Amino acid sequence: MSIGIELGSKLTFLLAITNAIGLGLVASTCRCVMGKKLTAFLWSRKWYRKYYNVHCYFWYFLLLSVSLHLVFGLLTFGIPF
Protein backbone atom coordinates (compact mmCIF):
# COMPACT_ATOMS: atom_id res chain seq x y z
CA MET A 1 0.00 0.00 0.00
CA SER A 2 1.28 3.44 -0.86
CA ILE A 3 -0.06 6.94 -0.59
CA GLY A 4 0.80 9.69 -3.02
CA ILE A 5 4.28 11.15 -2.71
CA GLU A 6 2.97 14.71 -2.42
CA LEU A 7 0.42 13.98 0.32
CA GLY A 8 2.76 11.59 2.12
CA SER A 9 5.61 14.09 2.11
CA LYS A 10 3.39 16.83 3.51
CA LEU A 11 1.98 14.59 6.24
CA THR A 12 5.43 13.31 7.18
CA PHE A 13 6.78 16.86 7.38
CA LEU A 14 3.86 18.13 9.47
CA LEU A 15 4.18 15.17 11.82
CA ALA A 16 7.90 15.91 12.21
CA ILE A 17 6.96 19.39 13.41
CA THR A 18 4.36 17.83 15.70
CA ASN A 19 7.07 15.52 17.06
CA ALA A 20 9.26 18.50 17.90
CA ILE A 21 6.38 20.24 19.66
CA GLY A 22 5.51 17.07 21.58
CA LEU A 23 9.13 16.59 22.61
CA GLY A 24 9.26 20.17 23.83
CA LEU A 25 6.09 19.68 25.87
CA VAL A 26 7.39 16.49 27.44
CA ALA A 27 10.81 17.99 28.17
CA SER A 28 9.28 21.10 29.72
CA THR A 29 7.37 18.98 32.24
CA CYS A 30 10.04 16.37 32.89
CA ARG A 31 11.68 16.84 36.26
CA CYS A 32 14.69 14.76 35.22
CA VAL A 33 15.65 17.03 32.33
CA MET A 34 15.68 20.42 34.01
CA GLY A 35 17.93 19.90 37.02
CA LYS A 36 17.33 20.44 40.71
CA LYS A 37 17.42 24.24 40.88
CA LEU A 38 15.09 24.90 37.99
CA THR A 39 12.74 22.14 39.09
CA ALA A 40 12.59 23.53 42.63
CA PHE A 41 11.93 27.02 41.28
CA LEU A 42 9.14 25.84 38.98
CA TRP A 43 7.51 23.62 41.60
CA SER A 44 7.08 26.70 43.77
CA ARG A 45 4.80 28.13 41.06
CA LYS A 46 1.13 27.14 41.07
CA TRP A 47 0.76 27.46 37.29
CA TYR A 48 3.58 24.95 36.74
CA ARG A 49 2.00 22.38 39.03
CA LYS A 50 -1.20 22.67 36.99
CA TYR A 51 0.81 22.41 33.77
CA TYR A 52 2.65 19.36 35.14
CA ASN A 53 -0.65 17.56 35.77
CA VAL A 54 -1.02 16.97 32.02
CA HIS A 55 2.51 15.53 31.63
CA CYS A 56 1.16 12.03 30.91
CA TYR A 57 -1.07 13.35 28.14
CA PHE A 58 1.97 14.98 26.51
CA TRP A 59 3.57 11.52 26.36
CA TYR A 60 0.48 10.07 24.65
CA PHE A 61 0.51 12.96 22.17
CA LEU A 62 4.20 12.37 21.42
CA LEU A 63 3.76 8.60 21.06
CA LEU A 64 0.85 9.04 18.66
CA SER A 65 2.72 11.65 16.64
CA VAL A 66 5.89 9.53 16.33
CA SER A 67 3.85 6.45 15.40
CA LEU A 68 1.95 8.28 12.67
CA HIS A 69 5.19 9.85 11.42
CA LEU A 70 6.69 6.37 11.12
CA VAL A 71 3.66 4.91 9.34
CA PHE A 72 3.32 7.75 6.82
CA GLY A 73 7.07 7.83 6.23
CA LEU A 74 7.14 4.12 5.46
CA LEU A 75 4.03 4.29 3.28
CA THR A 76 5.44 7.22 1.33
CA PHE A 77 9.11 6.38 1.00
CA GLY A 78 9.29 2.69 1.87
CA ILE A 79 12.31 1.06 3.46
CA PRO A 80 15.40 2.71 1.95
CA PHE A 81 17.66 -0.38 1.80
PDB file of N, CA and C in Angstrom:
ATOM      1  N   MET A   1       0.846  -1.181   0.000  1.00  0.00           N
ATOM      2  CA  MET A   1       0.000   0.000   0.000  1.00  0.00           C
ATOM      3  C   MET A   1       0.885   1.236   0.000  1.00  0.00           C
ATOM      4  N   SER A   2       0.508   2.206  -0.770  1.00  0.00           N
ATOM      5  CA  SER A   2       1.275   3.437  -0.862  1.00  0.00           C
ATOM      6  C   SER A   2       0.313   4.617  -0.968  1.00  0.00           C
ATOM      7  N   ILE A   3       0.712   5.720  -0.406  1.00  0.00           N
ATOM      8  CA  ILE A   3      -0.063   6.944  -0.588  1.00  0.00           C
ATOM      9  C   ILE A   3       0.733   7.825  -1.538  1.00  0.00           C
ATOM     10  N   GLY A   4       0.110   8.820  -2.081  1.00  0.00           N
ATOM     11  CA  GLY A   4       0.800   9.693  -3.024  1.00  0.00           C
ATOM     12  C   GLY A   4       2.008  10.361  -2.396  1.00  0.00           C
ATOM     13  N   ILE A   5       3.043  10.565  -3.212  1.00  0.00           N
ATOM     14  CA  ILE A   5       4.284  11.153  -2.713  1.00  0.00           C
ATOM     15  C   ILE A   5       4.066  12.574  -2.191  1.00  0.00           C
ATOM     16  N   GLU A   6       3.202  13.333  -2.851  1.00  0.00           N
ATOM     17  CA  GLU A   6       2.967  14.715  -2.419  1.00  0.00           C
ATOM     18  C   GLU A   6       2.256  14.757  -1.069  1.00  0.00           C
ATOM     19  N   LEU A   7       1.160  14.011  -0.940  1.00  0.00           N
ATOM     20  CA  LEU A   7       0.419  13.976   0.320  1.00  0.00           C
ATOM     21  C   LEU A   7       1.267  13.351   1.428  1.00  0.00           C
ATOM     22  N   GLY A   8       1.928  12.261   1.114  1.00  0.00           N
ATOM     23  CA  GLY A   8       2.756  11.595   2.117  1.00  0.00           C
ATOM     24  C   GLY A   8       3.892  12.461   2.620  1.00  0.00           C
ATOM     25  N   SER A   9       4.522  13.197   1.716  1.00  0.00           N
ATOM     26  CA  SER A   9       5.614  14.095   2.110  1.00  0.00           C
ATOM     27  C   SER A   9       5.107  15.207   3.025  1.00  0.00           C
ATOM     28  N   LYS A  10       3.958  15.754   2.681  1.00  0.00           N
ATOM     29  CA  LYS A  10       3.393  16.827   3.505  1.00  0.00           C
ATOM     30  C   LYS A  10       3.010  16.316   4.899  1.00  0.00           C
ATOM     31  N   LEU A  11       2.364  15.154   4.938  1.00  0.00           N
ATOM     32  CA  LEU A  11       1.980  14.589   6.237  1.00  0.00           C
ATOM     33  C   LEU A  11       3.201  14.246   7.080  1.00  0.00           C
ATOM     34  N   THR A  12       4.207  13.663   6.453  1.00  0.00           N
ATOM     35  CA  THR A  12       5.426  13.310   7.184  1.00  0.00           C
ATOM     36  C   THR A  12       6.107  14.553   7.732  1.00  0.00           C
ATOM     37  N   PHE A  13       6.168  15.610   6.937  1.00  0.00           N
ATOM     38  CA  PHE A  13       6.777  16.857   7.381  1.00  0.00           C
ATOM     39  C   PHE A  13       5.995  17.483   8.534  1.00  0.00           C
ATOM     40  N   LEU A  14       4.675  17.548   8.400  1.00  0.00           N
ATOM     41  CA  LEU A  14       3.856  18.125   9.467  1.00  0.00           C
ATOM     42  C   LEU A  14       3.958  17.314  10.757  1.00  0.00           C
ATOM     43  N   LEU A  15       4.028  16.002  10.621  1.00  0.00           N
ATOM     44  CA  LEU A  15       4.178  15.169  11.818  1.00  0.00           C
ATOM     45  C   LEU A  15       5.563  15.324  12.440  1.00  0.00           C
ATOM     46  N   ALA A  16       6.581  15.635  11.643  1.00  0.00           N
ATOM     47  CA  ALA A  16       7.902  15.911  12.207  1.00  0.00           C
ATOM     48  C   ALA A  16       7.860  17.168  13.070  1.00  0.00           C
ATOM     49  N   ILE A  17       7.134  18.179  12.609  1.00  0.00           N
ATOM     50  CA  ILE A  17       6.964  19.395  13.408  1.00  0.00           C
ATOM     51  C   ILE A  17       6.182  19.075  14.679  1.00  0.00           C
ATOM     52  N   THR A  18       5.151  18.244  14.544  1.00  0.00           N
ATOM     53  CA  THR A  18       4.358  17.827  15.701  1.00  0.00           C
ATOM     54  C   THR A  18       5.229  17.055  16.688  1.00  0.00           C
ATOM     55  N   ASN A  19       6.146  16.242  16.186  1.00  0.00           N
ATOM     56  CA  ASN A  19       7.073  15.516  17.059  1.00  0.00           C
ATOM     57  C   ASN A  19       7.931  16.486  17.865  1.00  0.00           C
ATOM     58  N   ALA A  20       8.428  17.514  17.213  1.00  0.00           N
ATOM     59  CA  ALA A  20       9.265  18.501  17.904  1.00  0.00           C
ATOM     60  C   ALA A  20       8.468  19.233  18.979  1.00  0.00           C
ATOM     61  N   ILE A  21       7.234  19.578  18.672  1.00  0.00           N
ATOM     62  CA  ILE A  21       6.375  20.244  19.661  1.00  0.00           C
ATOM     63  C   ILE A  21       6.104  19.304  20.832  1.00  0.00           C
ATOM     64  N   GLY A  22       5.767  18.055  20.524  1.00  0.00           N
ATOM     65  CA  GLY A  22       5.512  17.070  21.581  1.00  0.00           C
ATOM     66  C   GLY A  22       6.727  16.841  22.457  1.00  0.00           C
ATOM     67  N   LEU A  23       7.900  16.769  21.835  1.00  0.00           N
ATOM     68  CA  LEU A  23       9.128  16.586  22.608  1.00  0.00           C
ATOM     69  C   LEU A  23       9.381  17.787  23.512  1.00  0.00           C
ATOM     70  N   GLY A  24       9.106  18.973  23.002  1.00  0.00           N
ATOM     71  CA  GLY A  24       9.258  20.173  23.826  1.00  0.00           C
ATOM     72  C   GLY A  24       8.304  20.182  25.008  1.00  0.00           C
ATOM     73  N   LEU A  25       7.067  19.740  24.781  1.00  0.00           N
ATOM     74  CA  LEU A  25       6.091  19.677  25.874  1.00  0.00           C
ATOM     75  C   LEU A  25       6.507  18.664  26.932  1.00  0.00           C
ATOM     76  N   VAL A  26       6.957  17.506  26.484  1.00  0.00           N
ATOM     77  CA  VAL A  26       7.393  16.487  27.444  1.00  0.00           C
ATOM     78  C   VAL A  26       8.617  16.965  28.215  1.00  0.00           C
ATOM     79  N   ALA A  27       9.584  17.528  27.509  1.00  0.00           N
ATOM     80  CA  ALA A  27      10.809  17.987  28.171  1.00  0.00           C
ATOM     81  C   ALA A  27      10.537  19.122  29.150  1.00  0.00           C
ATOM     82  N   SER A  28       9.561  19.972  28.828  1.00  0.00           N
ATOM     83  CA  SER A  28       9.281  21.101  29.721  1.00  0.00           C
ATOM     84  C   SER A  28       8.555  20.680  30.991  1.00  0.00           C
ATOM     85  N   THR A  29       8.032  19.467  31.025  1.00  0.00           N
ATOM     86  CA  THR A  29       7.373  18.981  32.239  1.00  0.00           C
ATOM     87  C   THR A  29       8.123  17.828  32.881  1.00  0.00           C
ATOM     88  N   CYS A  30       9.285  17.487  32.338  1.00  0.00           N
ATOM     89  CA  CYS A  30      10.043  16.367  32.889  1.00  0.00           C
ATOM     90  C   CYS A  30      11.008  16.868  33.955  1.00  0.00           C
ATOM     91  N   ARG A  31      10.844  16.387  35.148  1.00  0.00           N
ATOM     92  CA  ARG A  31      11.677  16.841  36.258  1.00  0.00           C
ATOM     93  C   ARG A  31      13.113  16.372  36.113  1.00  0.00           C
ATOM     94  N   CYS A  32      13.338  15.302  35.387  1.00  0.00           N
ATOM     95  CA  CYS A  32      14.692  14.761  35.219  1.00  0.00           C
ATOM     96  C   CYS A  32      15.539  15.606  34.273  1.00  0.00           C
ATOM     97  N   VAL A  33      14.923  16.301  33.356  1.00  0.00           N
ATOM     98  CA  VAL A  33      15.650  17.033  32.326  1.00  0.00           C
ATOM     99  C   VAL A  33      16.158  18.377  32.833  1.00  0.00           C
ATOM    100  N   MET A  34      15.407  19.029  33.687  1.00  0.00           N
ATOM    101  CA  MET A  34      15.685  20.423  34.012  1.00  0.00           C
ATOM    102  C   MET A  34      16.715  20.646  35.121  1.00  0.00           C
ATOM    103  N   GLY A  35      17.000  19.687  35.926  1.00  0.00           N
ATOM    104  CA  GLY A  35      17.934  19.901  37.022  1.00  0.00           C
ATOM    105  C   GLY A  35      17.219  20.308  38.298  1.00  0.00           C
ATOM    106  N   LYS A  36      17.936  20.215  39.391  1.00  0.00           N
ATOM    107  CA  LYS A  36      17.332  20.438  40.706  1.00  0.00           C
ATOM    108  C   LYS A  36      16.900  21.873  40.947  1.00  0.00           C
ATOM    109  N   LYS A  37      17.737  22.836  40.587  1.00  0.00           N
ATOM    110  CA  LYS A  37      17.420  24.239  40.884  1.00  0.00           C
ATOM    111  C   LYS A  37      16.212  24.726  40.092  1.00  0.00           C
ATOM    112  N   LEU A  38      16.213  24.451  38.806  1.00  0.00           N
ATOM    113  CA  LEU A  38      15.086  24.901  37.993  1.00  0.00           C
ATOM    114  C   LEU A  38      13.803  24.180  38.379  1.00  0.00           C
ATOM    115  N   THR A  39      13.913  22.894  38.662  1.00  0.00           N
ATOM    116  CA  THR A  39      12.735  22.139  39.088  1.00  0.00           C
ATOM    117  C   THR A  39      12.176  22.689  40.398  1.00  0.00           C
ATOM    118  N   ALA A  40      13.040  22.967  41.348  1.00  0.00           N
ATOM    119  CA  ALA A  40      12.591  23.527  42.627  1.00  0.00           C
ATOM    120  C   ALA A  40      11.928  24.888  42.426  1.00  0.00           C
ATOM    121  N   PHE A  41      12.511  25.704  41.560  1.00  0.00           N
ATOM    122  CA  PHE A  41      11.925  27.018  41.278  1.00  0.00           C
ATOM    123  C   PHE A  41      10.542  26.871  40.659  1.00  0.00           C
ATOM    124  N   LEU A  42      10.418  25.995  39.668  1.00  0.00           N
ATOM    125  CA  LEU A  42       9.137  25.840  38.985  1.00  0.00           C
ATOM    126  C   LEU A  42       8.077  25.207  39.874  1.00  0.00           C
ATOM    127  N   TRP A  43       8.491  24.264  40.706  1.00  0.00           N
ATOM    128  CA  TRP A  43       7.512  23.623  41.595  1.00  0.00           C
ATOM    129  C   TRP A  43       6.937  24.602  42.609  1.00  0.00           C
ATOM    130  N   SER A  44       7.620  25.694  42.844  1.00  0.00           N
ATOM    131  CA  SER A  44       7.078  26.697  43.767  1.00  0.00           C
ATOM    132  C   SER A  44       5.999  27.555  43.103  1.00  0.00           C
ATOM    133  N   ARG A  45       5.812  27.392  41.816  1.00  0.00           N
ATOM    134  CA  ARG A  45       4.802  28.131  41.063  1.00  0.00           C
ATOM    135  C   ARG A  45       3.544  27.297  40.871  1.00  0.00           C
ATOM    136  N   LYS A  46       2.401  27.874  41.180  1.00  0.00           N
ATOM    137  CA  LYS A  46       1.133  27.143  41.074  1.00  0.00           C
ATOM    138  C   LYS A  46       0.802  26.792  39.617  1.00  0.00           C
ATOM    139  N   TRP A  47       1.075  27.710  38.697  1.00  0.00           N
ATOM    140  CA  TRP A  47       0.762  27.464  37.289  1.00  0.00           C
ATOM    141  C   TRP A  47       1.542  26.269  36.751  1.00  0.00           C
ATOM    142  N   TYR A  48       2.783  26.080  37.226  1.00  0.00           N
ATOM    143  CA  TYR A  48       3.580  24.954  36.737  1.00  0.00           C
ATOM    144  C   TYR A  48       3.037  23.630  37.265  1.00  0.00           C
ATOM    145  N   ARG A  49       2.577  23.617  38.493  1.00  0.00           N
ATOM    146  CA  ARG A  49       1.996  22.381  39.034  1.00  0.00           C
ATOM    147  C   ARG A  49       0.757  21.988  38.250  1.00  0.00           C
ATOM    148  N   LYS A  50      -0.041  22.966  37.836  1.00  0.00           N
ATOM    149  CA  LYS A  50      -1.200  22.671  36.986  1.00  0.00           C
ATOM    150  C   LYS A  50      -0.748  22.162  35.618  1.00  0.00           C
ATOM    151  N   TYR A  51       0.252  22.800  35.062  1.00  0.00           N
ATOM    152  CA  TYR A  51       0.814  22.410  33.770  1.00  0.00           C
ATOM    153  C   TYR A  51       1.394  20.994  33.847  1.00  0.00           C
ATOM    154  N   TYR A  52       2.044  20.675  34.954  1.00  0.00           N
ATOM    155  CA  TYR A  52       2.653  19.361  35.135  1.00  0.00           C
ATOM    156  C   TYR A  52       1.603  18.253  35.214  1.00  0.00           C
ATOM    157  N   ASN A  53       0.406  18.568  35.657  1.00  0.00           N
ATOM    158  CA  ASN A  53      -0.646  17.559  35.772  1.00  0.00           C
ATOM    159  C   ASN A  53      -1.009  16.909  34.447  1.00  0.00           C
ATOM    160  N   VAL A  54      -0.709  17.538  33.330  1.00  0.00           N
ATOM    161  CA  VAL A  54      -1.017  16.965  32.017  1.00  0.00           C
ATOM    162  C   VAL A  54       0.217  16.325  31.365  1.00  0.00           C
ATOM    163  N   HIS A  55       1.266  16.125  32.137  1.00  0.00           N
ATOM    164  CA  HIS A  55       2.509  15.532  31.630  1.00  0.00           C
ATOM    165  C   HIS A  55       2.256  14.189  30.933  1.00  0.00           C
ATOM    166  N   CYS A  56       1.440  13.340  31.504  1.00  0.00           N
ATOM    167  CA  CYS A  56       1.155  12.031  30.912  1.00  0.00           C
ATOM    168  C   CYS A  56       0.474  12.167  29.555  1.00  0.00           C
ATOM    169  N   TYR A  57      -0.400  13.137  29.423  1.00  0.00           N
ATOM    170  CA  TYR A  57      -1.067  13.348  28.144  1.00  0.00           C
ATOM    171  C   TYR A  57      -0.087  13.812  27.075  1.00  0.00           C
ATOM    172  N   PHE A  58       0.932  14.580  27.459  1.00  0.00           N
ATOM    173  CA  PHE A  58       1.966  14.979  26.506  1.00  0.00           C
ATOM    174  C   PHE A  58       2.695  13.754  25.958  1.00  0.00           C
ATOM    175  N   TRP A  59       2.926  12.761  26.817  1.00  0.00           N
ATOM    176  CA  TRP A  59       3.574  11.520  26.356  1.00  0.00           C
ATOM    177  C   TRP A  59       2.698  10.789  25.347  1.00  0.00           C
ATOM    178  N   TYR A  60       1.397  10.719  25.606  1.00  0.00           N
ATOM    179  CA  TYR A  60       0.481  10.070  24.646  1.00  0.00           C
ATOM    180  C   TYR A  60       0.485  10.815  23.316  1.00  0.00           C
ATOM    181  N   PHE A  61       0.464  12.129  23.378  1.00  0.00           N
ATOM    182  CA  PHE A  61       0.513  12.957  22.171  1.00  0.00           C
ATOM    183  C   PHE A  61       1.793  12.674  21.389  1.00  0.00           C
ATOM    184  N   LEU A  62       2.924  12.631  22.083  1.00  0.00           N
ATOM    185  CA  LEU A  62       4.204  12.368  21.424  1.00  0.00           C
ATOM    186  C   LEU A  62       4.239  10.965  20.830  1.00  0.00           C
ATOM    187  N   LEU A  63       3.766   9.976  21.556  1.00  0.00           N
ATOM    188  CA  LEU A  63       3.760   8.603  21.060  1.00  0.00           C
ATOM    189  C   LEU A  63       2.890   8.471  19.810  1.00  0.00           C
ATOM    190  N   LEU A  64       1.723   9.081  19.822  1.00  0.00           N
ATOM    191  CA  LEU A  64       0.847   9.044  18.657  1.00  0.00           C
ATOM    192  C   LEU A  64       1.492   9.748  17.458  1.00  0.00           C
ATOM    193  N   SER A  65       2.085  10.884  17.707  1.00  0.00           N
ATOM    194  CA  SER A  65       2.722  11.646  16.637  1.00  0.00           C
ATOM    195  C   SER A  65       3.889  10.885  16.013  1.00  0.00           C
ATOM    196  N   VAL A  66       4.740  10.298  16.841  1.00  0.00           N
ATOM    197  CA  VAL A  66       5.886   9.533  16.332  1.00  0.00           C
ATOM    198  C   VAL A  66       5.409   8.303  15.569  1.00  0.00           C
ATOM    199  N   SER A  67       4.386   7.640  16.078  1.00  0.00           N
ATOM    200  CA  SER A  67       3.855   6.450  15.403  1.00  0.00           C
ATOM    201  C   SER A  67       3.288   6.796  14.029  1.00  0.00           C
ATOM    202  N   LEU A  68       2.502   7.864  13.955  1.00  0.00           N
ATOM    203  CA  LEU A  68       1.946   8.282  12.668  1.00  0.00           C
ATOM    204  C   LEU A  68       3.043   8.737  11.710  1.00  0.00           C
ATOM    205  N   HIS A  69       4.047   9.419  12.235  1.00  0.00           N
ATOM    206  CA  HIS A  69       5.185   9.852  11.425  1.00  0.00           C
ATOM    207  C   HIS A  69       5.883   8.634  10.810  1.00  0.00           C
ATOM    208  N   LEU A  70       6.067   7.603  11.599  1.00  0.00           N
ATOM    209  CA  LEU A  70       6.693   6.370  11.118  1.00  0.00           C
ATOM    210  C   LEU A  70       5.845   5.708  10.038  1.00  0.00           C
ATOM    211  N   VAL A  71       4.554   5.577  10.287  1.00  0.00           N
ATOM    212  CA  VAL A  71       3.661   4.915   9.337  1.00  0.00           C
ATOM    213  C   VAL A  71       3.623   5.670   8.009  1.00  0.00           C
ATOM    214  N   PHE A  72       3.404   6.983   8.061  1.00  0.00           N
ATOM    215  CA  PHE A  72       3.323   7.750   6.816  1.00  0.00           C
ATOM    216  C   PHE A  72       4.668   7.817   6.101  1.00  0.00           C
ATOM    217  N   GLY A  73       5.750   7.857   6.858  1.00  0.00           N
ATOM    218  CA  GLY A  73       7.067   7.830   6.230  1.00  0.00           C
ATOM    219  C   GLY A  73       7.317   6.528   5.494  1.00  0.00           C
ATOM    220  N   LEU A  74       6.955   5.418   6.118  1.00  0.00           N
ATOM    221  CA  LEU A  74       7.138   4.117   5.463  1.00  0.00           C
ATOM    222  C   LEU A  74       6.201   3.941   4.270  1.00  0.00           C
ATOM    223  N   LEU A  75       4.964   4.396   4.399  1.00  0.00           N
ATOM    224  CA  LEU A  75       4.028   4.288   3.279  1.00  0.00           C
ATOM    225  C   LEU A  75       4.454   5.162   2.100  1.00  0.00           C
ATOM    226  N   THR A  76       5.046   6.290   2.390  1.00  0.00           N
ATOM    227  CA  THR A  76       5.436   7.222   1.332  1.00  0.00           C
ATOM    228  C   THR A  76       6.761   6.826   0.692  1.00  0.00           C
ATOM    229  N   PHE A  77       7.766   6.574   1.518  1.00  0.00           N
ATOM    230  CA  PHE A  77       9.115   6.378   1.005  1.00  0.00           C
ATOM    231  C   PHE A  77       9.591   4.933   1.031  1.00  0.00           C
ATOM    232  N   GLY A  78       8.884   4.084   1.770  1.00  0.00           N
ATOM    233  CA  GLY A  78       9.286   2.692   1.871  1.00  0.00           C
ATOM    234  C   GLY A  78      10.522   2.537   2.738  1.00  0.00           C
ATOM    235  N   ILE A  79      11.074   1.337   2.719  1.00  0.00           N
ATOM    236  CA  ILE A  79      12.313   1.058   3.457  1.00  0.00           C
ATOM    237  C   ILE A  79      13.475   1.338   2.513  1.00  0.00           C
ATOM    238  N   PRO A  80      14.400   2.211   2.903  1.00  0.00           N
ATOM    239  CA  PRO A  80      15.402   2.707   1.952  1.00  0.00           C
ATOM    240  C   PRO A  80      16.551   1.741   1.616  1.00  0.00           C
ATOM    241  N   PHE A  81      16.568   0.557   2.144  1.00  0.00           N
ATOM    242  CA  PHE A  81      17.656  -0.379   1.800  1.00  0.00           C
ATOM    243  C   PHE A  81      17.126  -1.747   1.556  1.00  0.00           C
TER     244      PHE A  81
END
